[in-house]
């Protein structure tokens, strides 16, 4: 807990207090903490454990099981590449490999400048748009390897997105 400021600890404890009456509050607490801080590192898990009585082992198990939680800070732009069956068959592996090559990171990692993270996702429910990529929740349909440099450049250049791939 030495890495957390008093204000951060107070914020985490306030989030825990919000769900004190819930029978199973952990997912709600973790979700709010993830939204507040962008990730759920071990020191934060220890504060949650101390406040709720839920063991750090159980908290860690939940954080590492669910892909919406992260132990590491995510980039400003989180690129999610669907590797579900429909997307995979239509070339999603090559698309994610192209993102990795251009950004110099692997799935689960963040670029040194903190701008991009890449996540390998299972089905995102956009099978008709395969291969599909999401960036901060925005879906890009039928992405080809050749589209990847343009997508990355648009986020680097303008901090925004391109309208159509």
N, C-alpha and C. Protein backbone atom coordinates (compact mmCIF):
# COMPACT_ATOMS: atom_id res chain seq x y z
N UNK A 1 0.80 -1.19 0.00
CA UNK A 1 0.00 0.00 0.00
C UNK A 1 0.85 1.27 0.00
N UNK A 2 2.15 1.12 0.03
CA UNK A 2 3.04 2.28 0.10
C UNK A 2 2.97 3.14 -1.17
N UNK A 3 2.54 2.58 -2.28
CA UNK A 3 2.51 3.32 -3.54
C UNK A 3 1.27 4.19 -3.70
N UNK A 4 0.26 3.98 -2.88
CA UNK A 4 -0.99 4.72 -3.03
C UNK A 4 -1.02 5.95 -2.13
N UNK A 5 -1.54 7.03 -2.68
CA UNK A 5 -1.70 8.24 -1.88
C UNK A 5 -2.88 8.05 -0.93
N UNK A 6 -2.93 8.89 0.08
CA UNK A 6 -4.06 8.85 1.02
C UNK A 6 -5.37 9.12 0.28
N UNK A 7 -5.34 10.01 -0.69
CA UNK A 7 -6.54 10.34 -1.46
C UNK A 7 -7.02 9.12 -2.26
N UNK A 8 -6.08 8.37 -2.84
CA UNK A 8 -6.44 7.18 -3.60
C UNK A 8 -7.05 6.12 -2.70
N UNK A 9 -6.44 5.91 -1.54
CA UNK A 9 -6.98 4.94 -0.57
C UNK A 9 -8.39 5.35 -0.15
N UNK A 10 -8.59 6.63 0.12
CA UNK A 10 -9.92 7.13 0.52
C UNK A 10 -10.94 6.90 -0.59
N UNK A 11 -10.53 7.11 -1.83
CA UNK A 11 -11.43 6.90 -2.97
C UNK A 11 -11.82 5.43 -3.09
N UNK A 12 -10.84 4.54 -2.95
CA UNK A 12 -11.10 3.09 -3.03
C UNK A 12 -12.03 2.67 -1.90
N UNK A 13 -11.77 3.16 -0.69
CA UNK A 13 -12.63 2.83 0.45
C UNK A 13 -14.05 3.36 0.25
N UNK A 14 -14.18 4.53 -0.34
CA UNK A 14 -15.51 5.08 -0.62
C UNK A 14 -16.26 4.21 -1.64
N UNK A 15 -15.54 3.71 -2.63
CA UNK A 15 -16.15 2.80 -3.61
C UNK A 15 -16.62 1.54 -2.89
N UNK A 16 -15.80 0.99 -2.02
CA UNK A 16 -16.19 -0.20 -1.26
C UNK A 16 -17.43 0.07 -0.40
N UNK A 17 -17.46 1.24 0.24
CA UNK A 17 -18.60 1.61 1.08
C UNK A 17 -19.90 1.68 0.29
N UNK A 18 -19.80 2.10 -0.97
CA UNK A 18 -20.97 2.20 -1.84
C UNK A 18 -21.71 0.87 -1.96
N UNK A 19 -20.96 -0.22 -1.85
CA UNK A 19 -21.55 -1.55 -2.07
C UNK A 19 -21.57 -2.40 -0.80
N UNK A 20 -21.45 -1.75 0.35
CA UNK A 20 -21.40 -2.48 1.63
C UNK A 20 -22.64 -3.32 1.88
N UNK A 21 -23.79 -2.89 1.39
CA UNK A 21 -25.04 -3.63 1.64
C UNK A 21 -25.25 -4.77 0.65
N UNK A 22 -24.43 -4.86 -0.38
CA UNK A 22 -24.58 -5.91 -1.39
C UNK A 22 -24.08 -7.25 -0.85
N UNK A 23 -24.75 -8.31 -1.27
CA UNK A 23 -24.36 -9.65 -0.83
C UNK A 23 -23.04 -10.08 -1.48
N UNK A 24 -22.87 -9.77 -2.76
CA UNK A 24 -21.64 -10.10 -3.49
C UNK A 24 -21.16 -8.85 -4.24
N UNK A 25 -20.42 -7.99 -3.57
CA UNK A 25 -20.07 -6.68 -4.13
C UNK A 25 -18.82 -6.63 -4.99
N UNK A 26 -18.04 -7.70 -5.05
CA UNK A 26 -16.69 -7.61 -5.62
C UNK A 26 -16.65 -7.11 -7.06
N UNK A 27 -17.46 -7.67 -7.94
CA UNK A 27 -17.42 -7.26 -9.34
C UNK A 27 -17.78 -5.77 -9.47
N UNK A 28 -18.77 -5.31 -8.71
CA UNK A 28 -19.16 -3.89 -8.78
C UNK A 28 -18.04 -2.99 -8.27
N UNK A 29 -17.40 -3.40 -7.18
CA UNK A 29 -16.28 -2.63 -6.63
C UNK A 29 -15.14 -2.57 -7.65
N UNK A 30 -14.77 -3.72 -8.19
CA UNK A 30 -13.67 -3.77 -9.15
C UNK A 30 -13.98 -2.96 -10.41
N UNK A 31 -15.22 -3.03 -10.86
CA UNK A 31 -15.62 -2.27 -12.04
C UNK A 31 -15.47 -0.76 -11.79
N UNK A 32 -15.93 -0.30 -10.64
CA UNK A 32 -15.81 1.13 -10.33
C UNK A 32 -14.35 1.56 -10.14
N UNK A 33 -13.57 0.69 -9.52
CA UNK A 33 -12.14 1.00 -9.34
C UNK A 33 -11.44 1.05 -10.70
N UNK A 34 -11.75 0.09 -11.57
CA UNK A 34 -11.16 0.07 -12.92
C UNK A 34 -11.52 1.36 -13.65
N UNK A 35 -12.78 1.80 -13.56
CA UNK A 35 -13.19 3.04 -14.23
C UNK A 35 -12.46 4.25 -13.64
N UNK A 36 -12.26 4.25 -12.34
CA UNK A 36 -11.64 5.38 -11.66
C UNK A 36 -10.14 5.48 -11.94
N UNK A 37 -9.44 4.33 -11.88
CA UNK A 37 -7.98 4.34 -11.95
C UNK A 37 -7.42 3.78 -13.27
N UNK A 38 -8.26 3.08 -14.04
CA UNK A 38 -7.81 2.52 -15.31
C UNK A 38 -7.24 1.12 -15.21
N UNK A 39 -7.00 0.67 -13.99
CA UNK A 39 -6.50 -0.69 -13.77
C UNK A 39 -6.62 -1.01 -12.29
N UNK A 40 -6.34 -2.29 -11.93
CA UNK A 40 -6.51 -2.73 -10.54
C UNK A 40 -5.23 -3.45 -10.08
N UNK A 41 -4.20 -2.68 -9.74
CA UNK A 41 -2.94 -3.30 -9.30
C UNK A 41 -3.06 -3.93 -7.92
N UNK A 42 -2.03 -4.65 -7.52
CA UNK A 42 -2.04 -5.38 -6.25
C UNK A 42 -2.26 -4.48 -5.05
N UNK A 43 -1.66 -3.27 -5.02
CA UNK A 43 -1.84 -2.41 -3.84
C UNK A 43 -3.31 -2.01 -3.69
N UNK A 44 -4.00 -1.83 -4.81
CA UNK A 44 -5.42 -1.50 -4.76
C UNK A 44 -6.22 -2.71 -4.27
N UNK A 45 -5.84 -3.89 -4.73
CA UNK A 45 -6.51 -5.11 -4.28
C UNK A 45 -6.35 -5.29 -2.77
N UNK A 46 -5.20 -4.91 -2.25
CA UNK A 46 -4.98 -5.01 -0.80
C UNK A 46 -5.89 -4.07 -0.02
N UNK A 47 -6.11 -2.88 -0.54
CA UNK A 47 -7.03 -1.93 0.12
C UNK A 47 -8.45 -2.49 0.09
N UNK A 48 -8.86 -3.03 -1.06
CA UNK A 48 -10.20 -3.61 -1.18
C UNK A 48 -10.35 -4.76 -0.20
N UNK A 49 -9.32 -5.59 -0.09
CA UNK A 49 -9.34 -6.73 0.82
C UNK A 49 -9.50 -6.27 2.28
N UNK A 50 -8.70 -5.27 2.66
CA UNK A 50 -8.76 -4.77 4.03
C UNK A 50 -10.13 -4.18 4.35
N UNK A 51 -10.74 -3.53 3.37
CA UNK A 51 -12.02 -2.87 3.58
C UNK A 51 -13.19 -3.84 3.57
N UNK A 52 -13.12 -4.87 2.73
CA UNK A 52 -14.26 -5.78 2.56
C UNK A 52 -14.13 -7.12 3.28
N UNK A 53 -12.91 -7.49 3.62
CA UNK A 53 -12.70 -8.81 4.22
C UNK A 53 -12.57 -9.92 3.19
N UNK A 54 -12.63 -9.58 1.92
CA UNK A 54 -12.45 -10.57 0.85
C UNK A 54 -10.94 -10.76 0.67
N UNK A 55 -10.51 -12.01 0.59
CA UNK A 55 -9.07 -12.25 0.51
C UNK A 55 -8.47 -11.69 -0.78
N UNK A 56 -7.20 -11.29 -0.68
CA UNK A 56 -6.48 -10.81 -1.86
C UNK A 56 -6.44 -11.90 -2.93
N UNK A 57 -6.32 -13.15 -2.52
CA UNK A 57 -6.28 -14.26 -3.47
C UNK A 57 -7.57 -14.33 -4.28
N UNK A 58 -8.71 -14.16 -3.61
CA UNK A 58 -9.99 -14.18 -4.32
C UNK A 58 -10.11 -12.98 -5.26
N UNK A 59 -9.72 -11.82 -4.79
CA UNK A 59 -9.78 -10.60 -5.61
C UNK A 59 -8.88 -10.76 -6.83
N UNK A 60 -7.66 -11.21 -6.62
CA UNK A 60 -6.71 -11.41 -7.71
C UNK A 60 -7.28 -12.41 -8.73
N UNK A 61 -7.90 -13.47 -8.24
CA UNK A 61 -8.49 -14.46 -9.12
C UNK A 61 -9.56 -13.86 -10.02
N UNK A 62 -10.38 -12.99 -9.48
CA UNK A 62 -11.42 -12.32 -10.26
C UNK A 62 -10.80 -11.35 -11.26
N UNK A 63 -9.83 -10.56 -10.80
CA UNK A 63 -9.19 -9.58 -11.68
C UNK A 63 -8.52 -10.26 -12.87
N UNK A 64 -7.86 -11.39 -12.63
CA UNK A 64 -7.15 -12.06 -13.71
C UNK A 64 -8.06 -12.93 -14.57
N UNK A 65 -9.23 -13.30 -14.05
CA UNK A 65 -10.16 -14.13 -14.83
C UNK A 65 -10.92 -13.31 -15.86
N UNK A 66 -11.43 -12.16 -15.45
CA UNK A 66 -12.26 -11.35 -16.34
C UNK A 66 -11.41 -10.37 -17.15
N UNK A 67 -11.58 -10.39 -18.47
CA UNK A 67 -10.75 -9.56 -19.34
C UNK A 67 -11.03 -8.07 -19.22
N UNK A 68 -12.16 -7.70 -18.63
CA UNK A 68 -12.43 -6.26 -18.50
C UNK A 68 -11.57 -5.62 -17.42
N UNK A 69 -10.95 -6.43 -16.56
CA UNK A 69 -10.06 -5.89 -15.53
C UNK A 69 -8.62 -6.05 -15.97
N UNK A 70 -7.78 -5.14 -15.52
CA UNK A 70 -6.37 -5.17 -15.90
C UNK A 70 -5.49 -4.92 -14.69
N UNK A 71 -4.37 -5.62 -14.63
CA UNK A 71 -3.37 -5.40 -13.58
C UNK A 71 -2.41 -4.28 -13.95
N UNK A 72 -2.39 -3.92 -15.22
CA UNK A 72 -1.48 -2.89 -15.74
C UNK A 72 -2.30 -1.75 -16.33
N UNK A 73 -1.74 -0.54 -16.33
CA UNK A 73 -2.46 0.57 -16.95
C UNK A 73 -2.64 0.31 -18.44
N UNK A 74 -3.79 0.69 -18.96
CA UNK A 74 -4.07 0.56 -20.39
C UNK A 74 -3.70 1.87 -21.09
N UNK A 75 -3.52 1.78 -22.39
CA UNK A 75 -3.23 2.97 -23.18
C UNK A 75 -4.46 3.85 -23.33
N UNK A 76 -4.24 5.03 -23.84
CA UNK A 76 -5.34 5.95 -24.11
C UNK A 76 -6.32 5.32 -25.09
N UNK A 77 -5.79 4.56 -26.05
CA UNK A 77 -6.60 3.87 -27.04
C UNK A 77 -6.39 2.36 -26.87
N UNK A 78 -7.46 1.67 -26.53
CA UNK A 78 -7.38 0.22 -26.34
C UNK A 78 -7.93 -0.44 -27.61
N UNK A 79 -7.03 -1.11 -28.31
CA UNK A 79 -7.37 -1.79 -29.55
C UNK A 79 -7.72 -3.23 -29.20
N UNK A 80 -8.96 -3.61 -29.49
CA UNK A 80 -9.41 -4.97 -29.25
C UNK A 80 -9.59 -5.68 -30.57
N UNK A 81 -8.82 -6.72 -30.80
CA UNK A 81 -8.93 -7.48 -32.04
C UNK A 81 -9.68 -8.78 -31.75
N UNK A 82 -10.83 -8.93 -32.40
CA UNK A 82 -11.62 -10.14 -32.20
C UNK A 82 -10.94 -11.32 -32.88
N UNK A 83 -10.76 -12.39 -32.11
CA UNK A 83 -10.19 -13.62 -32.65
C UNK A 83 -11.20 -14.76 -32.57
N UNK A 84 -12.49 -14.40 -32.49
CA UNK A 84 -13.54 -15.42 -32.53
C UNK A 84 -13.50 -16.14 -33.87
N UNK A 85 -14.25 -17.22 -33.98
CA UNK A 85 -14.17 -18.08 -35.16
C UNK A 85 -14.38 -17.34 -36.46
N UNK A 86 -15.47 -16.57 -36.58
CA UNK A 86 -15.75 -15.87 -37.85
C UNK A 86 -14.63 -14.89 -38.19
N UNK A 87 -14.16 -14.15 -37.21
CA UNK A 87 -13.09 -13.18 -37.46
C UNK A 87 -11.78 -13.89 -37.79
N UNK A 88 -11.50 -14.95 -37.04
CA UNK A 88 -10.25 -15.68 -37.26
C UNK A 88 -10.19 -16.24 -38.69
N UNK A 89 -11.29 -16.84 -39.12
CA UNK A 89 -11.35 -17.43 -40.47
C UNK A 89 -11.15 -16.36 -41.54
N UNK A 90 -11.57 -15.14 -41.26
CA UNK A 90 -11.46 -14.05 -42.25
C UNK A 90 -10.16 -13.25 -42.11
N UNK A 91 -9.20 -13.72 -41.30
CA UNK A 91 -7.88 -13.10 -41.27
C UNK A 91 -7.56 -12.25 -40.06
N UNK A 92 -8.29 -12.42 -38.97
CA UNK A 92 -8.06 -11.60 -37.78
C UNK A 92 -6.66 -11.77 -37.20
N UNK A 93 -6.09 -12.97 -37.29
CA UNK A 93 -4.76 -13.18 -36.73
C UNK A 93 -3.73 -12.29 -37.45
N UNK A 94 -3.86 -12.17 -38.76
CA UNK A 94 -2.94 -11.32 -39.51
C UNK A 94 -3.16 -9.85 -39.15
N UNK A 95 -4.40 -9.47 -38.88
CA UNK A 95 -4.71 -8.09 -38.51
C UNK A 95 -4.08 -7.75 -37.16
N UNK A 96 -4.27 -8.62 -36.18
CA UNK A 96 -3.68 -8.35 -34.85
C UNK A 96 -2.16 -8.39 -34.94
N UNK A 97 -1.61 -9.29 -35.74
CA UNK A 97 -0.15 -9.33 -35.93
C UNK A 97 0.35 -8.02 -36.52
N UNK A 98 -0.40 -7.43 -37.44
CA UNK A 98 -0.02 -6.16 -38.06
C UNK A 98 -0.05 -5.03 -37.03
N UNK A 99 -1.08 -4.99 -36.18
CA UNK A 99 -1.12 -3.99 -35.11
C UNK A 99 0.11 -4.16 -34.20
N UNK A 100 0.40 -5.39 -33.83
CA UNK A 100 1.55 -5.66 -32.96
C UNK A 100 2.85 -5.21 -33.59
N UNK A 101 3.02 -5.50 -34.87
CA UNK A 101 4.25 -5.13 -35.56
C UNK A 101 4.40 -3.60 -35.63
N UNK A 102 3.35 -2.91 -36.01
CA UNK A 102 3.41 -1.45 -36.14
C UNK A 102 3.65 -0.78 -34.79
N UNK A 103 2.99 -1.29 -33.75
CA UNK A 103 3.08 -0.65 -32.43
C UNK A 103 4.25 -1.17 -31.59
N UNK A 104 4.83 -2.30 -31.99
CA UNK A 104 5.97 -2.86 -31.26
C UNK A 104 5.60 -3.45 -29.91
N UNK A 105 4.36 -3.92 -29.79
CA UNK A 105 3.90 -4.55 -28.54
C UNK A 105 3.13 -5.82 -28.88
N UNK A 106 2.86 -6.62 -27.87
CA UNK A 106 2.08 -7.84 -27.99
C UNK A 106 0.73 -7.65 -27.29
N UNK A 107 -0.24 -8.51 -27.59
CA UNK A 107 -1.52 -8.42 -26.87
C UNK A 107 -1.30 -8.41 -25.36
N UNK A 108 -2.04 -7.53 -24.69
CA UNK A 108 -1.90 -7.39 -23.25
C UNK A 108 -0.88 -6.35 -22.85
N UNK A 109 -0.19 -5.77 -23.81
CA UNK A 109 0.84 -4.77 -23.52
C UNK A 109 0.39 -3.37 -23.96
N UNK A 110 1.12 -2.37 -23.46
CA UNK A 110 0.85 -0.97 -23.77
C UNK A 110 2.12 -0.34 -24.31
N UNK A 111 1.97 0.53 -25.30
CA UNK A 111 3.14 1.21 -25.86
C UNK A 111 3.79 2.09 -24.80
N UNK A 112 5.09 2.33 -24.95
CA UNK A 112 5.83 3.12 -23.97
C UNK A 112 5.27 4.52 -23.79
N UNK A 113 4.71 5.08 -24.86
CA UNK A 113 4.15 6.43 -24.76
C UNK A 113 2.75 6.44 -24.11
N UNK A 114 2.23 5.25 -23.78
CA UNK A 114 0.94 5.17 -23.12
C UNK A 114 -0.24 5.43 -24.03
N UNK A 115 0.00 5.45 -25.34
CA UNK A 115 -1.06 5.78 -26.27
C UNK A 115 -1.92 4.58 -26.65
N UNK A 116 -1.30 3.41 -26.85
CA UNK A 116 -2.03 2.24 -27.34
C UNK A 116 -1.82 1.01 -26.47
N UNK A 117 -2.89 0.22 -26.34
CA UNK A 117 -2.84 -1.13 -25.78
C UNK A 117 -3.52 -2.04 -26.79
N UNK A 118 -3.11 -3.29 -26.80
CA UNK A 118 -3.75 -4.27 -27.68
C UNK A 118 -4.30 -5.40 -26.82
N UNK A 119 -5.54 -5.77 -27.09
CA UNK A 119 -6.16 -6.91 -26.43
C UNK A 119 -6.65 -7.89 -27.49
N UNK A 120 -6.36 -9.17 -27.29
CA UNK A 120 -6.92 -10.22 -28.13
C UNK A 120 -8.25 -10.61 -27.49
N UNK A 121 -9.33 -10.46 -28.23
CA UNK A 121 -10.66 -10.72 -27.69
C UNK A 121 -11.25 -11.98 -28.30
N UNK A 122 -12.13 -12.60 -27.59
CA UNK A 122 -12.91 -13.69 -28.16
C UNK A 122 -14.10 -13.02 -28.84
N UNK A 123 -15.12 -13.69 -29.17
CA UNK A 123 -16.21 -13.13 -29.96
C UNK A 123 -16.76 -11.84 -29.36
N UNK A 124 -16.84 -10.80 -30.19
CA UNK A 124 -17.41 -9.52 -29.73
C UNK A 124 -18.83 -9.33 -30.27
N UNK A 125 -19.35 -10.33 -30.97
CA UNK A 125 -20.72 -10.27 -31.47
C UNK A 125 -20.86 -9.49 -32.76
N UNK A 126 -19.78 -9.30 -33.48
CA UNK A 126 -19.82 -8.57 -34.75
C UNK A 126 -19.41 -9.50 -35.89
N UNK A 127 -19.91 -10.71 -35.86
CA UNK A 127 -19.48 -11.74 -36.80
C UNK A 127 -19.72 -11.36 -38.26
N UNK A 128 -20.80 -10.64 -38.54
CA UNK A 128 -21.10 -10.22 -39.91
C UNK A 128 -20.09 -9.19 -40.40
N UNK A 129 -19.37 -8.57 -39.49
CA UNK A 129 -18.38 -7.53 -39.83
C UNK A 129 -16.95 -8.07 -39.76
N UNK A 130 -16.80 -9.37 -39.77
CA UNK A 130 -15.50 -9.99 -39.58
C UNK A 130 -14.52 -9.65 -40.70
N UNK A 131 -13.24 -9.49 -40.35
CA UNK A 131 -12.71 -9.40 -39.00
C UNK A 131 -12.98 -8.02 -38.39
N UNK A 132 -13.37 -8.03 -37.14
CA UNK A 132 -13.76 -6.80 -36.45
C UNK A 132 -12.69 -6.39 -35.44
N UNK A 133 -12.52 -5.08 -35.32
CA UNK A 133 -11.59 -4.50 -34.36
C UNK A 133 -12.35 -3.41 -33.61
N UNK A 134 -12.11 -3.29 -32.32
CA UNK A 134 -12.69 -2.19 -31.56
C UNK A 134 -11.56 -1.29 -31.06
N UNK A 135 -11.83 -0.01 -31.02
CA UNK A 135 -10.91 0.93 -30.38
C UNK A 135 -11.76 1.78 -29.46
N UNK A 136 -11.53 1.60 -28.16
CA UNK A 136 -12.32 2.28 -27.13
C UNK A 136 -13.81 2.12 -27.37
N UNK A 137 -14.21 0.92 -27.78
CA UNK A 137 -15.62 0.61 -27.97
C UNK A 137 -16.16 0.87 -29.36
N UNK A 138 -15.44 1.60 -30.19
CA UNK A 138 -15.89 1.85 -31.57
C UNK A 138 -15.49 0.65 -32.43
N UNK A 139 -16.44 0.12 -33.20
CA UNK A 139 -16.19 -1.08 -33.99
C UNK A 139 -15.75 -0.70 -35.41
N UNK A 140 -14.67 -1.30 -35.84
CA UNK A 140 -14.19 -1.20 -37.22
C UNK A 140 -14.51 -2.53 -37.89
N UNK A 141 -15.24 -2.47 -39.00
CA UNK A 141 -15.70 -3.68 -39.68
C UNK A 141 -14.79 -4.07 -40.84
N UNK A 142 -14.71 -5.39 -41.06
CA UNK A 142 -13.98 -5.95 -42.20
C UNK A 142 -12.59 -5.36 -42.36
N UNK A 143 -11.85 -5.33 -41.28
CA UNK A 143 -10.51 -4.74 -41.27
C UNK A 143 -9.53 -5.66 -42.00
N UNK A 144 -8.75 -5.05 -42.87
CA UNK A 144 -7.71 -5.79 -43.60
C UNK A 144 -6.35 -5.34 -43.07
N UNK A 145 -5.34 -6.16 -43.30
CA UNK A 145 -3.98 -5.80 -42.86
C UNK A 145 -3.58 -4.43 -43.40
N UNK A 146 -3.96 -4.14 -44.63
CA UNK A 146 -3.59 -2.86 -45.25
C UNK A 146 -4.27 -1.66 -44.58
N UNK A 147 -5.36 -1.89 -43.84
CA UNK A 147 -6.06 -0.81 -43.15
C UNK A 147 -5.36 -0.40 -41.86
N UNK A 148 -4.59 -1.30 -41.29
CA UNK A 148 -4.02 -1.09 -39.96
C UNK A 148 -3.12 0.15 -39.88
N UNK A 149 -2.19 0.35 -40.83
CA UNK A 149 -1.35 1.56 -40.72
C UNK A 149 -2.17 2.85 -40.71
N UNK A 150 -3.21 2.91 -41.52
CA UNK A 150 -4.07 4.10 -41.59
C UNK A 150 -4.83 4.30 -40.28
N UNK A 151 -5.31 3.22 -39.70
CA UNK A 151 -6.04 3.31 -38.42
C UNK A 151 -5.11 3.84 -37.34
N UNK A 152 -3.93 3.25 -37.23
CA UNK A 152 -2.97 3.68 -36.20
C UNK A 152 -2.57 5.13 -36.42
N UNK A 153 -2.28 5.49 -37.66
CA UNK A 153 -1.86 6.86 -37.97
C UNK A 153 -2.94 7.87 -37.61
N UNK A 154 -4.21 7.51 -37.83
CA UNK A 154 -5.29 8.46 -37.53
C UNK A 154 -5.38 8.74 -36.04
N UNK A 155 -5.12 7.74 -35.21
CA UNK A 155 -5.16 7.96 -33.76
C UNK A 155 -3.92 8.70 -33.29
N UNK A 156 -2.80 8.45 -33.91
CA UNK A 156 -1.57 9.17 -33.55
C UNK A 156 -1.67 10.64 -33.95
N UNK A 157 -2.17 10.87 -35.14
CA UNK A 157 -2.20 12.21 -35.73
C UNK A 157 -3.22 13.11 -35.05
N UNK A 158 -4.41 12.63 -34.91
CA UNK A 158 -5.49 13.49 -34.44
C UNK A 158 -6.06 13.09 -33.11
N UNK A 159 -5.60 11.98 -32.58
CA UNK A 159 -6.19 11.53 -31.33
C UNK A 159 -7.64 11.13 -31.53
N UNK A 160 -7.99 10.84 -32.76
CA UNK A 160 -9.38 10.52 -33.07
C UNK A 160 -9.49 9.25 -33.84
N UNK A 161 -10.52 9.13 -34.62
CA UNK A 161 -10.73 7.92 -35.40
C UNK A 161 -11.06 8.28 -36.84
N UNK A 162 -10.86 7.32 -37.70
CA UNK A 162 -11.27 7.52 -39.08
C UNK A 162 -12.71 7.04 -39.20
N UNK A 163 -13.46 7.66 -40.10
CA UNK A 163 -14.88 7.36 -40.18
C UNK A 163 -15.18 6.01 -40.82
N UNK A 164 -14.40 5.62 -41.78
CA UNK A 164 -14.72 4.37 -42.48
C UNK A 164 -13.43 3.72 -42.94
N UNK A 165 -13.38 2.42 -42.74
CA UNK A 165 -12.22 1.66 -43.20
C UNK A 165 -12.62 0.95 -44.47
